[in-house]
Amino acid sequence: MRILHTADWHLGKRLDFFSRIQEQQDVLNEICEVADREAVDAVVVAGDLFDTFNPPVEAIELLYLTLKRLTNHGRRPVIAIAGNHDSADRIDAPDPLARACGILFVGYPDAQLSTSATTDGFRILRADKGFVELLLPKFPYPLRVLTTPYANEIRLKQYLGNDDDRDNRLNETLASHWQSLADNYCDDEGVNILVTHLYMMKRGGEVLEEPEGEKPLKIGNAELIYTDTIPPQIQYTALGHLHRHHQLGTSDAPVVYSGSPLAYSFSEAGQEKKVILVDIEPATPPSYQTHTLHGGRLLMRKRFEEVQSAVDWLEANPNTLVELTMVSDSFMSTESLKRLREAHDGIIHIIPVVRHLQQSSSSNKTMADLEKDVESLFVDYFQSRYQQQPNEELLAIFREINAEMDENPRQS
């Protein structure tokens, strides 16, 4: 049985002001093509389907169209769980219609799917809170899936029940819940996987960095889940939340973050984005391979000291989103900023760095001459603060603001 594992689509996400929806369409199309080309039998999406609880209409449409396409006309089950960016209610809402198409949505940790829904491609044999067992026509053995959408300690207490002390609540609750399900349903006669959206690490191992801009799950150690909570019956664990691919388990029982399909912050610049293809059968260690995705614009951080050099690079690299640092001896002019913006439509930030920009030491401070006019005082302050004279553009802006204040004096 071949399973495609992906996660962290963050549909509707923007990079500052810049929409990524076209890039998301492109990369999800690529994932659908991989699923078809590699003859995938099932798909799991491990949370953060959307970027916000109230995603834009185009993001909602893109999700449903993509998941339906991944089902291959209902012949391939697609299991999609909620992440910490998702509204569990929104994920659960279309469940009856989605199941008729072969899409199994799981919004809450205690969600129990109905066994009544069937498609031409598979049947739901058994279901429990956080568990579903599927039978695919081409296989004599079932696929068992433990499903745990994102859950903090409050949600776990509410839906799974636990009265233990705070420090161990998450790990003990999940370990008990997963082990109970595994003991009841996961023997060597079927394929057994876990799909969850949590911050997980090896006990005593490296603490992995959460993505920049991501809603943090790790607060101290209270929200950490350790890999030793996973039952031994589980052959493969499909994780969501971290945007870089990681393997936390053993070769016999991989515990894998697939990563996001696009780079969503400049801290992810240069990362290869992947989906995971897992080959698995009962009572046998699985094997998996990564498939690198190529959709979307590259995120790049670039640094230049000359405007012309920056313009040349920008024109030569149009299919990028850029955080541009410009180093100079003085503040950039409006003309220079305009040249940069006109050279590229994907500049997200321009960060000016002025050499030797520092305040004078307290010993060099001078008293302001309040007999001077306002513009002269501004020039003196600028010289004191930045060790240079303001250019004509800055002075023109200052004069404009000062004139507006003279025309509209504040009323007492």
Protein backbone atom coordinates (compact mmCIF):
# COMPACT_ATOMS: atom_id res chain seq x y z
CA MET A 1 0.00 0.00 0.00
CA ARG A 2 1.34 3.41 -0.93
CA ILE A 3 0.36 6.45 1.15
CA LEU A 4 1.08 10.09 0.33
CA HIS A 5 1.76 12.25 3.40
CA THR A 6 1.55 16.04 3.19
CA ALA A 7 0.72 18.84 5.65
CA ASP A 8 0.72 22.57 6.38
CA TRP A 9 -0.86 23.86 3.20
CA HIS A 10 -1.85 27.15 4.93
CA LEU A 11 -4.27 28.03 2.15
CA GLY A 12 -4.99 31.75 2.03
CA LYS A 13 -1.67 32.71 3.61
CA ARG A 14 -0.05 35.94 2.49
CA LEU A 15 3.58 36.98 2.74
CA ASP A 16 3.11 40.43 4.21
CA PHE A 17 0.89 42.07 1.53
CA PHE A 18 1.67 39.48 -1.16
CA SER A 19 -0.95 36.82 -2.01
CA ARG A 20 0.34 33.27 -2.47
CA ILE A 21 -2.90 31.77 -3.82
CA GLN A 22 -1.59 31.23 -7.37
CA GLU A 23 1.54 29.54 -6.03
CA GLN A 24 -0.64 27.37 -3.81
CA GLN A 25 -2.73 26.37 -6.81
CA ASP A 26 0.43 25.43 -8.70
CA VAL A 27 1.99 23.35 -5.93
CA LEU A 28 -1.27 21.56 -5.04
CA ASN A 29 -1.66 20.71 -8.71
CA GLU A 30 1.84 19.24 -8.52
CA ILE A 31 0.87 17.15 -5.47
CA CYS A 32 -2.18 15.82 -7.33
CA GLU A 33 0.03 14.88 -10.28
CA VAL A 34 2.44 13.06 -7.93
CA ALA A 35 -0.45 11.12 -6.37
CA ASP A 36 -1.65 9.97 -9.80
CA ARG A 37 1.76 9.29 -11.29
CA GLU A 38 2.94 7.30 -8.26
CA ALA A 39 -0.32 5.30 -8.04
CA VAL A 40 -0.97 6.39 -4.46
CA ASP A 41 -3.61 4.35 -2.61
CA ALA A 42 -4.40 6.84 0.18
CA VAL A 43 -3.57 10.43 1.12
CA VAL A 44 -3.16 12.00 4.57
CA VAL A 45 -3.03 15.76 5.15
CA ALA A 46 -1.71 16.35 8.68
CA GLY A 47 -3.29 19.67 9.58
CA ASP A 48 -3.11 23.42 8.91
CA LEU A 49 -5.22 23.13 5.80
CA PHE A 50 -5.97 26.85 6.08
CA ASP A 51 -3.90 29.70 7.46
CA THR A 52 -6.69 31.29 9.51
CA PHE A 53 -9.92 30.28 11.20
CA ASN A 54 -11.81 32.38 8.61
CA PRO A 55 -10.01 31.80 5.31
CA PRO A 56 -10.86 33.70 2.11
CA VAL A 57 -13.32 32.19 -0.33
CA GLU A 58 -10.64 31.32 -2.90
CA ALA A 59 -8.74 29.32 -0.26
CA ILE A 60 -11.86 27.33 0.70
CA GLU A 61 -12.61 26.58 -2.93
CA LEU A 62 -9.02 25.53 -3.59
CA LEU A 63 -9.08 23.11 -0.63
CA TYR A 64 -12.24 21.32 -1.68
CA LEU A 65 -11.29 21.12 -5.34
CA THR A 66 -7.83 19.76 -4.50
CA LEU A 67 -9.04 17.16 -1.99
CA LYS A 68 -11.72 15.97 -4.39
CA ARG A 69 -9.14 15.64 -7.15
CA LEU A 70 -6.86 13.69 -4.79
CA THR A 71 -9.64 11.15 -4.18
CA ASN A 72 -9.45 10.13 -7.85
CA HIS A 73 -13.25 10.17 -8.20
CA GLY A 74 -13.80 8.60 -4.79
CA ARG A 75 -11.49 5.65 -5.36
CA ARG A 76 -8.70 6.94 -3.10
CA PRO A 77 -9.40 7.87 0.56
CA VAL A 78 -8.12 11.28 1.65
CA ILE A 79 -7.88 11.87 5.41
CA ALA A 80 -7.48 15.53 6.40
CA ILE A 81 -7.21 16.65 10.03
CA ALA A 82 -7.32 20.09 11.64
CA GLY A 83 -4.16 21.92 12.70
CA ASN A 84 -3.70 24.80 15.12
CA HIS A 85 -4.44 27.31 12.34
CA ASP A 86 -7.73 25.62 11.47
CA SER A 87 -11.18 26.00 12.94
CA ALA A 88 -12.19 22.48 13.98
CA ASP A 89 -15.84 23.35 13.34
CA ARG A 90 -15.04 24.53 9.81
CA ILE A 91 -13.10 21.35 9.07
CA ASP A 92 -15.93 19.13 10.36
CA ALA A 93 -18.76 21.12 8.73
CA PRO A 94 -18.78 19.53 5.23
CA ASP A 95 -18.21 15.98 6.55
CA PRO A 96 -21.32 14.17 5.16
CA LEU A 97 -20.87 15.57 1.66
CA ALA A 98 -17.10 15.14 1.81
CA ARG A 99 -17.35 11.48 2.83
CA ALA A 100 -19.57 10.79 -0.16
CA CYS A 101 -16.65 12.01 -2.30
CA GLY A 102 -14.01 10.00 -0.43
CA ILE A 103 -12.75 12.80 1.83
CA LEU A 104 -12.60 12.11 5.57
CA PHE A 105 -12.39 15.32 7.63
CA VAL A 106 -11.39 15.15 11.30
CA GLY A 107 -11.69 18.39 13.29
CA TYR A 108 -11.67 17.35 16.95
CA PRO A 109 -9.60 14.80 18.93
CA ASP A 110 -12.68 12.74 19.83
CA ALA A 111 -14.25 12.81 16.37
CA GLN A 112 -15.88 9.53 15.37
CA LEU A 113 -16.66 9.00 11.71
CA SER A 114 -19.80 7.27 10.57
CA THR A 115 -19.37 3.77 9.16
CA SER A 116 -22.43 4.15 6.98
CA ALA A 117 -20.74 6.17 4.26
CA THR A 118 -19.16 4.16 1.46
CA THR A 119 -17.75 4.94 -1.98
CA ASP A 120 -16.86 2.79 -4.95
CA GLY A 121 -13.24 2.99 -3.86
CA PHE A 122 -13.25 1.96 -0.19
CA ARG A 123 -15.36 1.09 2.84
CA ILE A 124 -15.21 2.25 6.45
CA LEU A 125 -15.15 -0.97 8.45
CA ARG A 126 -14.88 0.37 11.99
CA ALA A 127 -14.66 3.73 13.68
CA ASP A 128 -14.07 4.98 17.20
CA LYS A 129 -13.14 8.31 18.77
CA GLY A 130 -9.90 9.19 17.00
CA PHE A 131 -9.80 6.01 14.93
CA VAL A 132 -10.98 4.76 11.54
CA GLU A 133 -10.40 1.48 9.73
CA LEU A 134 -10.69 1.38 5.94
CA LEU A 135 -10.80 -1.43 3.42
CA LEU A 136 -9.52 -0.67 -0.06
CA PRO A 137 -10.68 -3.08 -2.81
CA LYS A 138 -7.22 -3.99 -4.13
CA PHE A 139 -5.85 -5.04 -0.71
CA PRO A 140 -6.78 -8.05 1.42
CA TYR A 141 -5.80 -6.19 4.58
CA PRO A 142 -7.25 -2.98 6.11
CA LEU A 143 -5.73 0.45 6.70
CA ARG A 144 -6.09 1.58 10.34
CA VAL A 145 -5.60 5.28 11.08
CA LEU A 146 -5.36 6.92 14.51
CA THR A 147 -6.35 10.57 14.00
CA THR A 148 -5.46 13.32 16.47
CA PRO A 149 -6.00 16.85 15.19
CA TYR A 150 -4.28 19.70 16.99
CA ALA A 151 -5.14 19.67 20.68
CA ASN A 152 -3.84 21.80 23.52
CA GLU A 153 -4.21 20.77 27.16
CA ILE A 154 -7.63 22.46 27.48
CA ARG A 155 -9.03 20.72 24.43
CA LEU A 156 -7.58 17.37 25.46
CA LYS A 157 -9.13 17.66 28.89
CA GLN A 158 -12.46 18.62 27.34
CA TYR A 159 -12.58 15.89 24.70
CA LEU A 160 -10.42 13.06 25.98
CA GLY A 161 -10.61 13.65 29.72
CA ASN A 162 -7.68 13.94 32.11
CA ASP A 163 -7.28 15.20 35.66
CA ASP A 164 -3.54 14.75 36.05
CA ASP A 165 -1.08 17.53 36.83
CA ARG A 166 -0.39 20.09 34.12
CA ASP A 167 3.19 19.09 33.29
CA ASN A 168 2.31 15.57 32.19
CA ARG A 169 -1.22 16.07 30.97
CA LEU A 170 -0.61 16.12 27.24
CA ASN A 171 1.84 13.25 27.08
CA GLU A 172 -0.02 11.00 29.49
CA THR A 173 -3.42 11.69 27.96
CA LEU A 174 -2.24 11.07 24.43
CA ALA A 175 -0.18 8.01 25.36
CA SER A 176 -3.17 6.46 27.14
CA HIS A 177 -5.61 7.33 24.34
CA TRP A 178 -3.37 6.10 21.55
CA GLN A 179 -2.40 2.90 23.36
CA SER A 180 -6.03 2.06 24.09
CA LEU A 181 -6.96 2.46 20.42
CA ALA A 182 -3.92 0.49 19.28
CA ASP A 183 -4.64 -2.37 21.69
CA ASN A 184 -8.27 -2.55 20.56
CA TYR A 185 -7.79 -2.24 16.81
CA CYS A 186 -4.16 -2.46 15.62
CA ASP A 187 -2.88 -6.01 15.18
CA ASP A 188 -0.46 -7.44 12.62
CA GLU A 189 -3.25 -8.18 10.16
CA GLY A 190 -3.47 -4.60 8.89
CA VAL A 191 -1.51 -1.41 8.20
CA ASN A 192 -1.40 0.86 11.29
CA ILE A 193 -0.58 4.58 11.09
CA LEU A 194 -0.99 7.68 13.26
CA VAL A 195 -1.84 11.10 11.77
CA THR A 196 -1.51 14.09 14.10
CA HIS A 197 -0.70 17.81 14.28
CA LEU A 198 1.48 18.36 17.33
CA TYR A 199 4.90 19.60 18.40
CA MET A 200 6.82 16.36 18.80
CA MET A 201 10.43 15.50 19.61
CA LYS A 202 12.55 12.67 20.92
CA ARG A 203 12.85 12.64 24.69
CA GLY A 204 16.24 14.20 25.44
CA GLY A 205 16.70 15.04 21.77
CA GLU A 206 17.06 18.25 19.80
CA VAL A 207 14.31 20.82 20.23
CA LEU A 208 13.31 21.70 16.68
CA GLU A 209 12.61 25.31 15.76
CA GLU A 210 9.04 26.26 14.94
CA PRO A 211 8.53 28.20 11.70
CA GLU A 212 8.84 31.98 11.77
CA GLY A 213 5.38 33.50 11.99
CA GLU A 214 3.83 30.17 13.02
CA LYS A 215 1.45 30.16 15.98
CA PRO A 216 3.70 28.53 18.58
CA LEU A 217 2.74 25.17 20.04
CA LYS A 218 5.77 24.83 22.29
CA ILE A 219 5.40 26.95 25.43
CA GLY A 220 8.18 25.91 27.78
CA ASN A 221 7.91 22.13 27.88
CA ALA A 222 4.19 21.94 28.64
CA GLU A 223 3.17 21.52 25.00
CA LEU A 224 5.93 19.09 23.96
CA ILE A 225 4.86 15.61 22.95
CA TYR A 226 7.52 12.90 23.01
CA THR A 227 7.88 10.16 20.43
CA ASP A 228 7.82 7.49 23.14
CA THR A 229 4.08 8.16 23.58
CA ILE A 230 3.47 6.48 20.19
CA PRO A 231 2.25 2.87 20.60
CA PRO A 232 4.59 0.15 19.33
CA GLN A 233 1.85 -1.12 16.99
CA ILE A 234 2.09 2.09 14.91
CA GLN A 235 4.23 1.55 11.82
CA TYR A 236 4.32 5.13 10.54
CA THR A 237 3.47 8.48 12.15
CA ALA A 238 2.49 11.35 9.83
CA LEU A 239 3.12 14.71 11.54
CA GLY A 240 2.11 18.26 10.74
CA HIS A 241 3.22 21.64 12.17
CA LEU A 242 6.94 22.07 11.40
CA HIS A 243 7.57 23.39 7.89
CA ARG A 244 10.87 21.60 7.27
CA HIS A 245 11.03 17.83 6.68
CA HIS A 246 12.23 15.91 9.78
CA GLN A 247 12.41 12.23 10.69
CA LEU A 248 12.17 11.73 14.48
CA GLY A 249 11.59 7.99 14.72
CA THR A 250 13.53 4.87 13.86
CA SER A 251 13.98 3.21 10.50
CA ASP A 252 11.51 0.54 11.60
CA ALA A 253 8.88 3.06 12.78
CA PRO A 254 9.38 6.46 11.11
CA VAL A 255 7.92 9.56 12.78
CA VAL A 256 7.92 12.16 10.02
CA TYR A 257 7.18 15.83 9.50
CA SER A 258 6.49 16.18 5.79
CA GLY A 259 6.97 19.95 5.93
CA SER A 260 4.95 22.59 4.09
CA PRO A 261 4.64 22.54 0.29
CA LEU A 262 5.79 26.19 0.01
CA ALA A 263 8.23 28.38 1.92
CA TYR A 264 5.98 30.65 3.96
CA SER A 265 8.56 32.91 5.63
CA PHE A 266 12.05 34.12 4.81
CA SER A 267 13.42 31.88 7.56
CA GLU A 268 12.49 29.02 5.20
CA ALA A 269 14.43 30.51 2.28
CA GLY A 270 16.46 27.84 0.52
CA GLN A 271 14.54 24.89 1.99
CA GLU A 272 13.55 22.06 -0.31
CA LYS A 273 9.83 21.38 0.04
CA LYS A 274 8.59 17.81 -0.11
CA VAL A 275 5.79 15.33 0.09
CA ILE A 276 6.34 11.84 1.50
CA LEU A 277 5.56 8.56 -0.27
CA VAL A 278 5.22 5.69 2.20
CA ASP A 279 5.23 2.03 1.10
CA ILE A 280 3.77 -0.13 3.84
CA GLU A 281 2.23 -3.53 4.50
CA PRO A 282 1.20 -5.41 7.66
CA ALA A 283 3.78 -6.59 10.20
CA THR A 284 6.66 -5.11 8.19
CA PRO A 285 8.74 -1.95 8.73
CA PRO A 286 7.65 0.65 6.16
CA SER A 287 9.90 2.41 3.70
CA TYR A 288 9.44 5.97 2.56
CA GLN A 289 10.89 8.37 0.03
CA THR A 290 10.66 12.12 -0.28
CA HIS A 291 9.48 13.82 -3.43
CA THR A 292 10.77 17.36 -3.92
CA LEU A 293 8.18 19.93 -4.98
CA HIS A 294 9.03 22.67 -7.45
CA GLY A 295 5.91 24.84 -7.45
CA GLY A 296 5.88 28.41 -6.17
CA ARG A 297 8.33 31.28 -6.22
CA LEU A 298 11.65 30.95 -4.41
CA LEU A 299 12.07 33.04 -1.25
CA MET A 300 15.45 34.75 -1.16
CA ARG A 301 17.31 37.14 1.11
CA LYS A 302 19.70 39.35 -0.89
CA ARG A 303 22.10 42.10 0.18
CA PHE A 304 23.58 44.77 -2.09
CA GLU A 305 25.64 47.93 -1.74
CA GLU A 306 24.85 49.41 -5.15
CA VAL A 307 21.40 50.07 -6.55
CA GLN A 308 22.44 49.09 -10.08
CA SER A 309 23.74 45.71 -8.89
CA ALA A 310 20.46 45.10 -7.12
CA VAL A 311 18.44 46.09 -10.19
CA ASP A 312 20.52 43.78 -12.41
CA TRP A 313 19.95 40.81 -10.07
CA LEU A 314 16.24 41.54 -9.66
CA GLU A 315 15.69 41.68 -13.43
CA ALA A 316 17.59 38.40 -13.86
CA ASN A 317 15.55 36.59 -11.17
CA PRO A 318 11.88 37.42 -11.71
CA ASN A 319 10.45 34.18 -10.23
CA THR A 320 11.41 35.03 -6.66
CA LEU A 321 10.05 36.76 -3.60
CA VAL A 322 12.78 38.91 -2.11
CA GLU A 323 13.81 40.41 1.19
CA LEU A 324 16.25 43.04 -0.04
CA THR A 325 18.87 44.66 2.18
CA MET A 326 20.50 47.80 0.77
CA VAL A 327 23.73 49.00 2.39
CA SER A 328 24.77 52.61 1.76
CA ASP A 329 26.50 55.63 3.26
CA SER A 330 23.34 57.72 3.24
CA PHE A 331 19.60 57.28 3.19
CA MET A 332 18.17 55.94 -0.07
CA SER A 333 16.46 58.41 -2.33
CA THR A 334 12.90 58.05 -3.57
CA GLU A 335 14.30 57.62 -7.08
CA SER A 336 16.44 54.65 -6.00
CA LEU A 337 13.51 52.99 -4.22
CA LYS A 338 11.39 53.49 -7.34
CA ARG A 339 14.04 51.87 -9.55
CA LEU A 340 14.12 48.82 -7.29
CA ARG A 341 10.34 48.48 -7.17
CA GLU A 342 10.03 48.83 -10.94
CA ALA A 343 12.67 46.15 -11.51
CA HIS A 344 10.74 43.38 -9.72
CA ASP A 345 7.17 42.67 -8.66
CA GLY A 346 8.12 40.35 -5.78
CA ILE A 347 10.04 42.61 -3.41
CA ILE A 348 8.42 42.00 -0.03
CA HIS A 349 10.73 44.12 2.14
CA ILE A 350 13.48 46.65 1.46
CA ILE A 351 15.72 46.98 4.51
CA PRO A 352 18.00 50.06 4.38
CA VAL A 353 21.26 49.82 6.30
CA VAL A 354 23.21 53.07 6.66
CA ARG A 355 26.89 52.60 7.49
CA HIS A 356 28.24 54.23 10.65
CA LEU A 357 24.73 55.08 11.81
CA GLN A 358 25.10 55.72 15.50
CA GLN A 359 24.31 58.31 18.06
CA SER A 360 26.94 60.71 19.28
CA SER A 361 28.33 59.93 22.68
CA SER A 362 26.91 61.88 25.57
CA SER A 363 30.16 63.84 25.81
CA ASN A 364 29.58 65.24 22.32
CA LYS A 365 25.99 66.30 22.90
CA THR A 366 25.27 69.98 22.39
CA MET A 367 22.44 72.13 23.59
CA ALA A 368 19.80 73.06 21.02
CA ASP A 369 19.63 76.74 20.11
CA LEU A 370 15.92 77.41 20.49
CA GLU A 371 16.31 80.79 18.80
CA LYS A 372 16.66 79.02 15.47
CA ASP A 373 13.72 78.36 13.15
CA VAL A 374 12.09 74.89 13.12
CA GLU A 375 13.78 73.73 9.92
CA SER A 376 17.23 74.62 11.24
CA LEU A 377 16.48 72.78 14.46
CA PHE A 378 15.48 69.73 12.43
CA VAL A 379 18.74 69.91 10.45
CA ASP A 380 20.75 70.20 13.68
CA TYR A 381 18.92 67.22 15.20
CA PHE A 382 19.43 65.11 12.09
CA GLN A 383 23.14 65.95 12.03
CA SER A 384 23.47 65.07 15.72
CA ARG A 385 21.48 61.83 15.39
CA TYR A 386 22.89 60.46 12.11
CA GLN A 387 26.19 62.33 11.58
CA GLN A 388 25.06 63.64 8.20
CA GLN A 389 22.91 66.34 6.69
CA PRO A 390 19.37 65.47 5.58
CA ASN A 391 19.03 65.33 1.80
CA GLU A 392 16.70 67.56 -0.15
CA GLU A 393 13.97 64.93 -0.35
CA LEU A 394 13.80 64.62 3.44
CA LEU A 395 13.80 68.39 3.80
CA ALA A 396 10.99 68.68 1.28
CA ILE A 397 8.91 66.15 3.25
CA PHE A 398 9.66 68.02 6.48
CA ARG A 399 8.59 71.33 4.93
CA GLU A 400 5.36 69.77 3.64
CA ILE A 401 4.46 68.36 7.04
CA ASN A 402 5.39 71.59 8.79
CA ALA A 403 3.23 73.59 6.38
CA GLU A 404 0.25 71.32 7.01
CA MET A 405 0.65 71.80 10.75
CA ASP A 406 0.73 75.58 10.30
CA GLU A 407 -2.48 75.43 8.25
CA ASN A 408 -4.26 73.12 10.73
CA PRO A 409 -3.15 74.09 14.22
CA ARG A 410 -4.37 71.75 16.97
CA GLN A 411 -7.49 73.03 18.68
CA SER A 412 -7.29 73.29 22.45
